[in-house]
Amino acid sequence: MLPKKKFAMVFQHCDEDKKGYLSREDVKVAVVMLFGYKPSKTETDVMMASIMQANIPGMPLDHFVSLMGRKLAAQDNYEKTRQIFTGFDIHCHGFLTVEDFKKAFASVASHLSERTVQEAFREVDRDSDGHVSFKDFEFVINYGQDDV
């Protein structure tokens, strides 16, 4: 099923009174149905912020579909980044060492010199502890994507 169609079906299901919009609680239920987790108060506040500013009683379908599409895209990017990191983390430490980097680069960019790979590692290792955490890795992978 196409995501927009699924979002619309969930919207209709959560809009039990057929008001044409979802209340704050309805949006939380919809996120549980779509993504399998209950959003925090802060996340719900962020999702509802533009609705509150526009002085609308709830979230209309078009806004809901757009918002859930962005959430899905963000979740997909996170999952892809996690898969790449896990592929590089050959010893399953939860972090990458310079040796992990060398092996990964040897398989995907074998033309790069060892020096270049070590420089790349130092750039990614933002706290210079000799380990690249998932957070460091994710930061580098997503760097500049907000500007696009």
Protein backbone atom coordinates (compact mmCIF):
# COMPACT_ATOMS: atom_id res chain seq x y z
CA MET A 1 0.00 0.00 0.00
CA LEU A 2 1.30 3.46 -0.85
CA PRO A 3 2.28 5.52 2.20
CA LYS A 4 -0.11 8.41 1.44
CA LYS A 5 -3.02 5.99 1.14
CA LYS A 6 -2.03 4.30 4.40
CA PHE A 7 -1.70 7.69 6.14
CA ALA A 8 -5.18 8.65 4.91
CA MET A 9 -6.67 5.36 6.13
CA VAL A 10 -5.11 5.81 9.58
CA PHE A 11 -6.35 9.42 9.65
CA GLN A 12 -9.91 8.26 8.89
CA HIS A 13 -9.67 5.55 11.54
CA CYS A 14 -8.42 7.99 14.20
CA ASP A 15 -10.96 10.67 13.28
CA GLU A 16 -13.73 8.67 14.94
CA ASP A 17 -16.16 11.60 15.17
CA LYS A 18 -15.55 12.51 11.50
CA LYS A 19 -14.54 16.07 12.48
CA GLY A 20 -12.11 16.37 9.56
CA TYR A 21 -9.12 16.85 11.87
CA LEU A 22 -7.16 14.95 14.50
CA SER A 23 -6.85 16.11 18.08
CA ARG A 24 -3.56 15.87 19.94
CA GLU A 25 -4.57 12.47 21.37
CA ASP A 26 -5.73 11.27 17.93
CA VAL A 27 -2.31 12.17 16.46
CA LYS A 28 -0.57 10.15 19.19
CA VAL A 29 -2.74 7.11 18.39
CA ALA A 30 -2.03 7.56 14.68
CA VAL A 31 1.75 7.62 15.29
CA VAL A 32 1.44 4.41 17.32
CA MET A 33 -0.49 2.79 14.47
CA LEU A 34 1.98 3.92 11.80
CA PHE A 35 5.36 3.75 13.52
CA GLY A 36 4.82 1.44 16.50
CA TYR A 37 5.70 3.85 19.30
CA LYS A 38 3.96 6.48 21.39
CA PRO A 39 5.45 9.92 20.73
CA SER A 40 6.80 11.87 23.70
CA LYS A 41 5.14 15.07 24.91
CA THR A 42 7.92 17.07 23.24
CA GLU A 43 7.53 15.28 19.91
CA THR A 44 3.77 15.76 20.04
CA ASP A 45 4.26 19.47 20.83
CA VAL A 46 6.49 19.80 17.76
CA MET A 47 3.98 18.00 15.55
CA MET A 48 1.11 20.16 16.80
CA ALA A 49 3.00 23.50 16.84
CA SER A 50 1.97 24.76 13.39
CA ILE A 51 -1.64 23.78 14.07
CA MET A 52 -1.68 25.75 17.30
CA GLN A 53 -0.12 28.80 15.60
CA ALA A 54 -2.75 28.71 12.87
CA ASN A 55 -5.44 28.53 15.55
CA ILE A 56 -6.97 25.40 13.99
CA PRO A 57 -8.82 23.00 16.33
CA GLY A 58 -6.81 19.99 15.12
CA MET A 59 -4.61 18.54 12.39
CA PRO A 60 -6.33 18.34 8.97
CA LEU A 61 -5.71 15.43 6.60
CA ASP A 62 -3.35 17.24 4.20
CA HIS A 63 -1.13 18.40 7.06
CA PHE A 64 -1.17 14.94 8.64
CA VAL A 65 -0.19 13.21 5.37
CA SER A 66 2.66 15.69 4.82
CA LEU A 67 3.94 15.37 8.39
CA MET A 68 3.80 11.56 8.40
CA GLY A 69 5.59 11.49 5.02
CA ARG A 70 8.45 13.52 6.50
CA LYS A 71 8.54 11.22 9.56
CA LEU A 72 8.70 8.17 7.31
CA ALA A 73 11.53 9.65 5.23
CA ALA A 74 13.48 10.54 8.38
CA GLN A 75 12.97 7.04 9.76
CA ASP A 76 14.13 5.50 6.46
CA ASN A 77 17.31 7.63 6.51
CA TYR A 78 18.00 6.60 10.10
CA GLU A 79 17.57 2.91 9.25
CA LYS A 80 19.87 3.17 6.22
CA THR A 81 22.52 4.94 8.30
CA ARG A 82 22.19 2.31 11.04
CA GLN A 83 22.63 -0.50 8.47
CA ILE A 84 25.76 1.11 7.02
CA PHE A 85 27.22 1.64 10.50
CA THR A 86 26.47 -1.96 11.47
CA GLY A 87 28.14 -3.17 8.28
CA PHE A 88 31.28 -1.21 9.18
CA ASP A 89 31.22 -2.37 12.82
CA ILE A 90 32.57 -5.83 12.01
CA HIS A 91 33.40 -6.66 15.65
CA CYS A 92 29.97 -5.52 16.95
CA HIS A 93 31.49 -3.13 19.50
CA GLY A 94 28.91 -0.41 18.93
CA PHE A 95 31.64 1.91 17.69
CA LEU A 96 34.11 2.00 14.81
CA THR A 97 37.88 1.87 15.13
CA VAL A 98 40.37 3.09 12.57
CA GLU A 99 40.85 -0.57 11.57
CA ASP A 100 37.11 -0.90 10.90
CA PHE A 101 37.34 2.23 8.75
CA LYS A 102 40.29 0.85 6.79
CA LYS A 103 38.49 -2.43 6.07
CA ALA A 104 35.28 -0.65 5.06
CA PHE A 105 37.07 1.79 2.78
CA ALA A 106 39.14 -1.03 1.25
CA SER A 107 35.90 -2.67 0.10
CA VAL A 108 34.05 0.45 -1.12
CA ALA A 109 36.84 2.87 -2.12
CA SER A 110 40.01 0.86 -2.50
CA HIS A 111 41.66 3.65 -4.51
CA LEU A 112 41.93 5.86 -1.40
CA SER A 113 45.28 5.94 0.34
CA GLU A 114 45.64 4.78 3.93
CA ARG A 115 46.51 8.35 4.88
CA THR A 116 43.24 9.64 3.39
CA VAL A 117 41.27 6.99 5.27
CA GLN A 118 43.02 7.92 8.54
CA GLU A 119 42.28 11.62 7.93
CA ALA A 120 38.64 10.77 7.28
CA PHE A 121 38.54 8.79 10.52
CA ARG A 122 39.98 11.72 12.48
CA GLU A 123 37.32 14.03 10.98
CA VAL A 124 34.49 11.68 11.91
CA ASP A 125 35.87 10.99 15.42
CA ARG A 126 34.59 14.33 16.68
CA ASP A 127 35.64 13.84 20.31
CA SER A 128 39.06 12.34 19.38
CA ASP A 129 38.64 9.28 21.59
CA GLY A 130 39.78 6.83 18.90
CA HIS A 131 36.24 5.53 18.40
CA VAL A 132 33.49 6.64 16.06
CA SER A 133 30.13 6.28 17.80
CA PHE A 134 26.90 5.87 15.88
CA LYS A 135 26.06 9.47 16.82
CA ASP A 136 29.33 10.72 15.26
CA PHE A 137 28.75 8.55 12.19
CA GLU A 138 25.15 9.71 11.79
CA PHE A 139 26.23 13.36 12.11
CA VAL A 140 28.71 12.97 9.25
CA ILE A 141 26.33 10.98 7.04
CA ASN A 142 23.60 13.61 7.45
CA TYR A 143 25.90 16.64 7.35
CA GLY A 144 24.49 19.30 5.03
CA GLN A 145 21.28 17.43 4.23
CA ASP A 146 19.15 20.04 5.99
CA ASP A 147 20.48 22.59 3.50
CA VAL A 148 19.17 20.65 0.48
